[in-house]
Amino acid sequence: MTYIAKPKLHHPTLACNAIGYTRRDYEGKVSTLCAGCGHDSISAAIIQACWELDIEPHRVAKLSGIGCSSKTPDYFLGQSHGFNTVHGRMPSVLTGANLANRTLLYLGVSGDGDSASIGLGQFAHVMRRGVDMTYIVENNGVYGLTKGQFSATADPGSVSKKGVTNTDSPLDMVGMALMLGASFVARGFSGDKRQLVPLIKAAIAHKGAAFIDVISPCVAFNNHAGSTKSYEYVREHNEAVNRLDIMPARTEITVDYADGDTIEVEQHDGSVLRLHKLHTDYDAHDRVGAMNYLQAHQAKGEVVTGLLYVDPEARDLHAHLDTVDAPFNTLGERELCPGAAVLEKINKGLR
């Protein structure tokens, strides 16, 4: 109920992070989603991740499209920058904002309807261009706002609440992200906060296009027997390839582990991503191997979760285009309008 405001008074015993914020400072408005919706669990995981990373809320730009998932940025980081775009167009708006001001942390939140249907072309280009962002798809396999039609990610054989069986082939957002060149690809489950929070933290720390597909059951239209996006189905078929810890650069690393049990990947900001292998034959640095692994387990009806691929040497769109470091709004007329001679030089180089 949006007319009920959250109390601003904080209890004095609430724990603060290193920059003096409580977890409550990262919350937003009261959620209007259905009770038990997986999207609210994802919002809680984002709040927890940003609080643990000591991120100043005003440094975050959160963007979304249309759908239940795209409403959720209103429910977290209430003191950050926000932009709700039109259906499927979040990636292009985020790309423009990122090019104009690289000093912000960009968080794109979308859904399977928003990204896998009308926004599929937008999704493809933001991945291949390596825009420095964390792109989260809250994937429930249905159009929740329009009462439960199958989305493009619904598995064949999945049964709707009305008893209709889906016969269409699904779009695998994770497989597409790998193929399109995303340098950080993961899948999580809204019902597994212990795995999801470190995934989000690692994605935020990653320099480049970071994509997380989060299976997020729709309790109103897709949480019944026969659904492959229900809580029960995902819990019974979850194939977790790893668990993560991420340690900020200021934290001394004093871990003791056996050879072959852990991979450490240093991120661009100096933090260390520590990957605990649950399957000793899985290599999170092998893009092709990740695609094959996904296909093999998908054929068994298993939902693979965890960090599936990461490129520690990734370069983002700014590095590709060799852009200036300063945000555009800090540049003056001299830099933005250097004169006719410079324009002629640029035009000459294009002839």
Protein backbone atom coordinates (compact mmCIF):
# COMPACT_ATOMS: atom_id res chain seq x y z
CA MET A 1 0.00 0.00 0.00
CA THR A 2 1.89 3.00 -1.30
CA TYR A 3 0.07 5.48 0.91
CA ILE A 4 1.68 3.89 3.98
CA ALA A 5 5.10 5.46 4.44
CA LYS A 6 7.92 3.59 6.12
CA PRO A 7 8.98 5.20 9.41
CA LYS A 8 12.13 7.29 9.05
CA LEU A 9 13.18 6.85 12.67
CA HIS A 10 15.98 4.30 13.03
CA HIS A 11 16.46 2.26 16.18
CA PRO A 12 19.81 3.12 17.80
CA THR A 13 20.86 -0.52 17.93
CA LEU A 14 20.71 -0.99 14.13
CA ALA A 15 24.11 -1.98 12.75
CA CYS A 16 25.90 0.46 10.45
CA ASN A 17 28.26 -0.31 7.60
CA ALA A 18 31.67 1.31 7.14
CA ILE A 19 30.19 4.57 5.80
CA GLY A 20 27.63 4.93 8.59
CA TYR A 21 24.47 3.67 6.85
CA THR A 22 22.04 1.14 8.28
CA ARG A 23 20.41 -1.46 6.10
CA ARG A 24 17.20 0.56 6.35
CA ASP A 25 18.91 3.40 4.50
CA TYR A 26 19.01 1.20 1.39
CA GLU A 27 15.31 0.40 1.38
CA GLY A 28 12.63 2.07 -0.75
CA LYS A 29 8.86 2.27 -0.59
CA VAL A 30 6.51 -0.42 0.66
CA SER A 31 6.14 -3.12 -2.00
CA THR A 32 2.80 -3.44 -3.77
CA LEU A 33 3.61 -6.88 -5.21
CA CYS A 34 1.80 -10.04 -4.13
CA ALA A 35 2.83 -11.43 -0.75
CA GLY A 36 5.49 -14.09 -1.31
CA CYS A 37 6.57 -12.75 -4.73
CA GLY A 38 10.13 -13.76 -5.55
CA HIS A 39 10.81 -10.24 -6.81
CA ASP A 40 10.64 -8.90 -3.25
CA SER A 41 13.32 -11.40 -2.24
CA ILE A 42 15.53 -10.09 -5.04
CA SER A 43 14.97 -6.51 -3.85
CA ALA A 44 16.02 -7.61 -0.36
CA ALA A 45 19.16 -9.23 -1.81
CA ILE A 46 20.06 -6.02 -3.69
CA ILE A 47 19.58 -4.01 -0.48
CA GLN A 48 21.79 -6.43 1.45
CA ALA A 49 24.49 -6.44 -1.26
CA CYS A 50 24.69 -2.64 -1.49
CA TRP A 51 24.78 -2.30 2.30
CA GLU A 52 27.58 -4.84 2.64
CA LEU A 53 29.56 -3.17 -0.16
CA ASP A 54 29.29 0.22 1.60
CA ILE A 55 27.88 1.84 -1.53
CA GLU A 56 26.65 5.40 -1.16
CA PRO A 57 23.04 5.30 -2.42
CA HIS A 58 23.41 8.52 -4.42
CA ARG A 59 26.11 6.85 -6.51
CA VAL A 60 23.65 4.30 -7.91
CA ALA A 61 21.51 4.76 -11.03
CA LYS A 62 18.73 2.15 -11.23
CA LEU A 63 16.79 1.76 -14.47
CA SER A 64 13.93 -0.50 -15.50
CA GLY A 65 11.33 -1.10 -18.20
CA ILE A 66 7.73 -2.25 -17.75
CA GLY A 67 6.31 -5.16 -15.77
CA CYS A 68 6.15 -6.44 -12.20
CA SER A 69 9.94 -6.73 -12.16
CA SER A 70 10.36 -3.19 -13.44
CA LYS A 71 8.29 -1.85 -10.54
CA THR A 72 10.78 -3.20 -8.01
CA PRO A 73 13.39 -0.38 -8.18
CA ASP A 74 10.82 1.67 -6.28
CA TYR A 75 11.23 -0.78 -3.39
CA PHE A 76 15.00 -0.49 -2.89
CA LEU A 77 17.62 2.27 -2.77
CA GLY A 78 15.07 5.03 -2.33
CA GLN A 79 17.83 7.67 -2.19
CA SER A 80 19.43 6.70 -5.50
CA HIS A 81 18.84 7.95 -9.05
CA GLY A 82 16.01 6.16 -10.86
CA PHE A 83 14.49 6.03 -14.33
CA ASN A 84 11.53 3.88 -15.39
CA THR A 85 11.67 3.59 -19.20
CA VAL A 86 9.13 2.21 -21.66
CA HIS A 87 8.65 -1.50 -22.35
CA GLY A 88 11.93 -3.19 -23.32
CA ARG A 89 13.91 0.02 -23.73
CA MET A 90 15.84 0.09 -20.48
CA PRO A 91 19.20 -1.02 -22.02
CA SER A 92 19.46 1.85 -24.51
CA VAL A 93 18.55 4.48 -21.92
CA LEU A 94 21.08 2.99 -19.51
CA THR A 95 23.74 2.96 -22.24
CA GLY A 96 23.22 6.66 -22.89
CA ALA A 97 23.33 7.49 -19.17
CA ASN A 98 26.50 5.43 -18.73
CA LEU A 99 28.23 7.18 -21.62
CA ALA A 100 27.27 10.56 -20.18
CA ASN A 101 28.42 9.79 -16.63
CA ARG A 102 30.64 6.83 -15.90
CA THR A 103 31.07 7.75 -12.22
CA LEU A 104 27.71 6.20 -11.25
CA LEU A 105 27.05 2.52 -10.59
CA TYR A 106 24.43 1.30 -13.06
CA LEU A 107 21.83 -1.27 -12.09
CA GLY A 108 19.33 -2.41 -14.71
CA VAL A 109 16.33 -4.41 -13.52
CA SER A 110 14.09 -6.14 -16.03
CA GLY A 111 11.85 -9.16 -16.47
CA ASP A 112 11.52 -12.08 -18.84
CA GLY A 113 8.69 -10.32 -20.67
CA ASP A 114 10.53 -7.00 -20.77
CA SER A 115 13.89 -8.41 -21.92
CA ALA A 116 13.12 -11.66 -23.75
CA SER A 117 10.31 -10.33 -25.97
CA ILE A 118 9.94 -6.66 -26.91
CA GLY A 119 13.36 -5.80 -25.46
CA LEU A 120 15.33 -8.70 -26.95
CA GLY A 121 17.18 -6.52 -29.46
CA GLN A 122 18.03 -4.01 -26.75
CA PHE A 123 19.33 -6.81 -24.50
CA ALA A 124 21.54 -8.15 -27.29
CA HIS A 125 23.29 -4.85 -27.96
CA VAL A 126 23.91 -3.86 -24.35
CA MET A 127 25.59 -7.26 -23.79
CA ARG A 128 27.77 -7.20 -26.91
CA ARG A 129 28.88 -3.61 -26.31
CA GLY A 130 30.12 -4.39 -22.81
CA VAL A 131 28.27 -1.58 -21.06
CA ASP A 132 29.50 -1.39 -17.47
CA MET A 133 26.34 -2.39 -15.62
CA THR A 134 24.66 -5.04 -13.51
CA TYR A 135 21.70 -6.38 -15.50
CA ILE A 136 19.23 -8.42 -13.45
CA VAL A 137 16.35 -10.27 -15.07
CA GLU A 138 13.65 -11.33 -12.61
CA ASN A 139 12.50 -14.42 -14.48
CA ASN A 140 9.13 -16.02 -13.64
CA GLY A 141 8.08 -17.32 -17.06
CA VAL A 142 4.81 -15.38 -17.19
CA TYR A 143 3.39 -11.94 -17.82
CA GLY A 144 2.23 -11.20 -14.28
CA LEU A 145 0.74 -7.76 -14.93
CA THR A 146 -1.46 -9.11 -17.74
CA LYS A 147 -2.64 -12.14 -15.78
CA GLY A 148 -0.36 -15.06 -16.44
CA GLN A 149 0.27 -15.61 -20.16
CA PHE A 150 3.42 -17.61 -20.95
CA SER A 151 6.50 -15.47 -21.57
CA ALA A 152 9.32 -16.27 -23.99
CA THR A 153 11.32 -18.00 -21.22
CA ALA A 154 8.59 -20.52 -20.33
CA ASP A 155 9.82 -24.09 -20.76
CA PRO A 156 8.07 -26.44 -23.20
CA GLY A 157 5.72 -28.69 -21.26
CA SER A 158 5.27 -26.17 -18.49
CA VAL A 159 1.61 -25.99 -17.46
CA SER A 160 -0.14 -22.68 -16.77
CA LYS A 161 -2.45 -22.06 -13.83
CA LYS A 162 -5.42 -22.62 -16.19
CA GLY A 163 -4.02 -25.98 -17.31
CA VAL A 164 -2.65 -24.92 -20.70
CA THR A 165 0.62 -26.59 -21.75
CA ASN A 166 3.34 -24.48 -23.35
CA THR A 167 4.50 -25.86 -26.71
CA ASP A 168 6.91 -23.09 -27.72
CA SER A 169 10.69 -23.33 -27.43
CA PRO A 170 12.08 -21.11 -24.64
CA LEU A 171 14.67 -18.37 -24.88
CA ASP A 172 17.59 -19.02 -22.54
CA MET A 173 18.73 -15.59 -21.34
CA VAL A 174 21.88 -17.01 -19.76
CA GLY A 175 22.87 -18.84 -22.95
CA MET A 176 22.27 -15.70 -25.00
CA ALA A 177 24.31 -13.54 -22.61
CA LEU A 178 27.23 -15.96 -22.96
CA MET A 179 26.95 -16.02 -26.75
CA LEU A 180 26.60 -12.23 -27.02
CA GLY A 181 29.81 -11.53 -25.10
CA ALA A 182 28.77 -10.67 -21.54
CA SER A 183 31.88 -10.85 -19.36
CA PHE A 184 30.04 -11.90 -16.17
CA VAL A 185 27.15 -14.37 -16.39
CA ALA A 186 25.30 -15.96 -13.50
CA ARG A 187 21.97 -17.47 -12.56
CA GLY A 188 20.38 -17.29 -9.14
CA PHE A 189 17.17 -18.27 -7.39
CA SER A 190 15.14 -15.77 -5.40
CA GLY A 191 14.64 -18.42 -2.72
CA ASP A 192 18.40 -18.83 -2.16
CA LYS A 193 19.62 -15.60 -0.59
CA ARG A 194 22.90 -17.16 0.56
CA GLN A 195 23.91 -17.65 -3.07
CA LEU A 196 22.19 -14.59 -4.58
CA VAL A 197 23.65 -11.82 -2.40
CA PRO A 198 27.30 -12.66 -3.22
CA LEU A 199 26.39 -12.98 -6.91
CA ILE A 200 24.98 -9.45 -6.91
CA LYS A 201 27.98 -8.11 -5.01
CA ALA A 202 30.36 -9.72 -7.49
CA ALA A 203 28.39 -8.39 -10.46
CA ILE A 204 28.48 -4.84 -9.09
CA ALA A 205 32.25 -5.08 -8.59
CA HIS A 206 32.79 -6.42 -12.11
CA LYS A 207 33.93 -3.98 -14.81
CA GLY A 208 31.86 -4.71 -17.89
CA ALA A 209 28.50 -6.24 -18.80
CA ALA A 210 27.41 -8.35 -15.82
CA PHE A 211 24.22 -10.37 -16.28
CA ILE A 212 22.26 -12.28 -13.63
CA ASP A 213 19.18 -14.31 -14.52
CA VAL A 214 17.19 -14.87 -11.32
CA ILE A 215 14.43 -17.48 -11.27
CA SER A 216 11.70 -15.67 -9.36
CA PRO A 217 8.42 -17.60 -8.96
CA CYS A 218 5.16 -15.72 -9.53
CA VAL A 219 2.98 -16.79 -6.61
CA ALA A 220 -0.21 -15.65 -8.36
CA PHE A 221 0.18 -17.33 -11.76
CA ASN A 222 3.20 -19.66 -11.86
CA ASN A 223 3.77 -21.40 -8.53
CA HIS A 224 1.75 -24.58 -8.97
CA ALA A 225 2.34 -28.23 -9.87
CA GLY A 226 3.38 -28.41 -13.53
CA SER A 227 5.20 -25.09 -13.56
CA THR A 228 8.97 -25.19 -14.11
CA LYS A 229 9.38 -21.75 -12.50
CA SER A 230 7.75 -22.63 -9.16
CA TYR A 231 9.52 -22.64 -5.80
CA GLU A 232 9.13 -26.41 -5.45
CA TYR A 233 10.39 -27.20 -8.96
CA VAL A 234 13.50 -25.02 -8.73
CA ARG A 235 14.41 -26.34 -5.28
CA GLU A 236 14.09 -29.94 -6.48
CA HIS A 237 16.01 -29.37 -9.73
CA ASN A 238 18.62 -26.82 -8.66
CA GLU A 239 22.13 -27.68 -9.83
CA ALA A 240 24.43 -25.23 -8.03
CA VAL A 241 27.89 -25.19 -9.60
CA ASN A 242 29.47 -22.99 -6.93
CA ARG A 243 29.07 -20.72 -3.93
CA LEU A 244 30.68 -17.30 -3.75
CA ASP A 245 32.37 -14.99 -1.33
CA ILE A 246 33.49 -11.50 -2.34
CA MET A 247 35.99 -9.60 -0.24
CA PRO A 248 36.43 -5.83 -0.67
CA ALA A 249 39.96 -4.59 -1.29
CA ARG A 250 40.24 -3.16 2.23
CA THR A 251 39.72 -6.60 3.79
CA GLU A 252 42.76 -8.75 4.47
CA ILE A 253 42.39 -12.16 2.85
CA THR A 254 43.34 -14.92 5.28
CA VAL A 255 41.72 -18.03 3.87
CA ASP A 256 43.07 -21.56 4.06
CA TYR A 257 41.83 -23.98 1.44
CA ALA A 258 42.94 -27.05 -0.43
CA ASP A 259 44.26 -26.79 -3.99
CA GLY A 260 41.49 -27.29 -6.53
CA ASP A 261 38.68 -26.32 -4.15
CA THR A 262 38.69 -22.57 -4.77
CA ILE A 263 39.33 -20.11 -7.60
CA GLU A 264 40.18 -16.49 -6.77
CA VAL A 265 39.46 -13.78 -9.36
CA GLU A 266 40.68 -10.25 -8.72
CA GLN A 267 38.17 -7.63 -9.87
CA HIS A 268 39.01 -4.24 -11.38
CA ASP A 269 38.27 -2.42 -8.14
CA GLY A 270 40.77 -4.58 -6.26
CA SER A 271 38.20 -6.80 -4.58
CA VAL A 272 38.61 -10.55 -4.81
CA LEU A 273 35.91 -12.92 -5.97
CA ARG A 274 36.39 -16.29 -4.31
CA LEU A 275 34.62 -19.11 -6.09
CA HIS A 276 34.01 -22.30 -4.13
CA LYS A 277 33.60 -25.19 -6.53
CA LEU A 278 30.88 -27.71 -5.84
CA HIS A 279 31.70 -29.50 -9.10
CA THR A 280 35.43 -29.99 -9.57
CA ASP A 281 35.03 -30.31 -13.35
CA TYR A 282 33.48 -26.86 -13.76
CA ASP A 283 35.62 -23.94 -14.98
CA ALA A 284 33.99 -20.50 -14.65
CA HIS A 285 36.59 -19.00 -17.02
CA ASP A 286 35.54 -21.14 -20.00
CA ARG A 287 32.77 -19.45 -22.01
CA VAL A 288 32.22 -22.36 -24.41
CA GLY A 289 32.39 -24.86 -21.56
CA ALA A 290 29.73 -22.91 -19.69
CA MET A 291 27.41 -23.01 -22.71
CA ASN A 292 27.89 -26.77 -23.09
CA TYR A 293 27.38 -27.33 -19.37
CA LEU A 294 24.11 -25.38 -19.44
CA GLN A 295 22.79 -27.34 -22.41
CA ALA A 296 23.71 -30.70 -20.91
CA HIS A 297 21.96 -30.02 -17.61
CA GLN A 298 19.00 -28.31 -19.25
CA ALA A 299 18.40 -31.55 -21.16
CA LYS A 300 18.13 -33.29 -17.79
CA GLY A 301 15.57 -30.74 -16.57
CA GLU A 302 18.05 -29.22 -14.13
CA VAL A 303 18.28 -25.49 -13.34
CA VAL A 304 21.97 -24.55 -13.16
CA THR A 305 22.69 -21.74 -10.69
CA GLY A 306 25.83 -19.94 -9.56
CA LEU A 307 28.59 -18.00 -11.32
CA LEU A 308 28.69 -19.56 -14.77
CA TYR A 309 31.30 -17.38 -16.46
CA VAL A 310 33.57 -14.46 -15.60
CA ASP A 311 36.29 -12.73 -17.61
CA PRO A 312 38.70 -11.04 -15.18
CA GLU A 313 40.31 -9.10 -18.06
CA ALA A 314 37.06 -7.65 -19.42
CA ARG A 315 36.95 -4.16 -20.95
CA ASP A 316 33.85 -1.99 -20.91
CA LEU A 317 32.29 0.32 -23.52
CA HIS A 318 34.30 3.35 -22.34
CA ALA A 319 37.55 1.46 -22.90
CA HIS A 320 36.38 0.40 -26.37
CA LEU A 321 35.47 3.97 -27.35
CA ASP A 322 38.33 5.69 -25.46
CA THR A 323 35.95 8.21 -23.90
CA VAL A 324 36.87 10.97 -21.46
CA ASP A 325 36.77 10.26 -17.74
CA ALA A 326 34.78 13.36 -16.80
CA PRO A 327 30.96 13.27 -16.82
CA PHE A 328 29.49 15.34 -19.63
CA ASN A 329 27.73 17.68 -17.21
CA THR A 330 31.12 18.79 -15.84
CA LEU A 331 32.50 19.76 -19.25
CA GLY A 332 32.39 23.35 -20.36
CA GLU A 333 31.75 24.99 -23.71
CA ARG A 334 35.43 24.84 -24.62
CA GLU A 335 35.45 21.03 -24.39
CA LEU A 336 31.99 20.44 -25.86
CA CYS A 337 32.29 23.00 -28.70
CA PRO A 338 36.01 23.13 -29.59
CA GLY A 339 35.44 25.10 -32.80
CA ALA A 340 35.22 24.79 -36.57
CA ALA A 341 38.83 23.72 -37.03
CA VAL A 342 38.43 20.68 -34.78
CA LEU A 343 35.13 19.78 -36.46
CA GLU A 344 36.79 19.95 -39.86
CA LYS A 345 39.59 17.68 -38.63
CA ILE A 346 37.03 15.13 -37.39
CA ASN A 347 35.07 15.26 -40.65
CA LYS A 348 38.27 14.87 -42.64
CA GLY A 349 39.11 11.72 -40.72
CA LEU A 350 35.74 10.24 -41.72
CA ARG A 351 36.13 10.84 -45.44
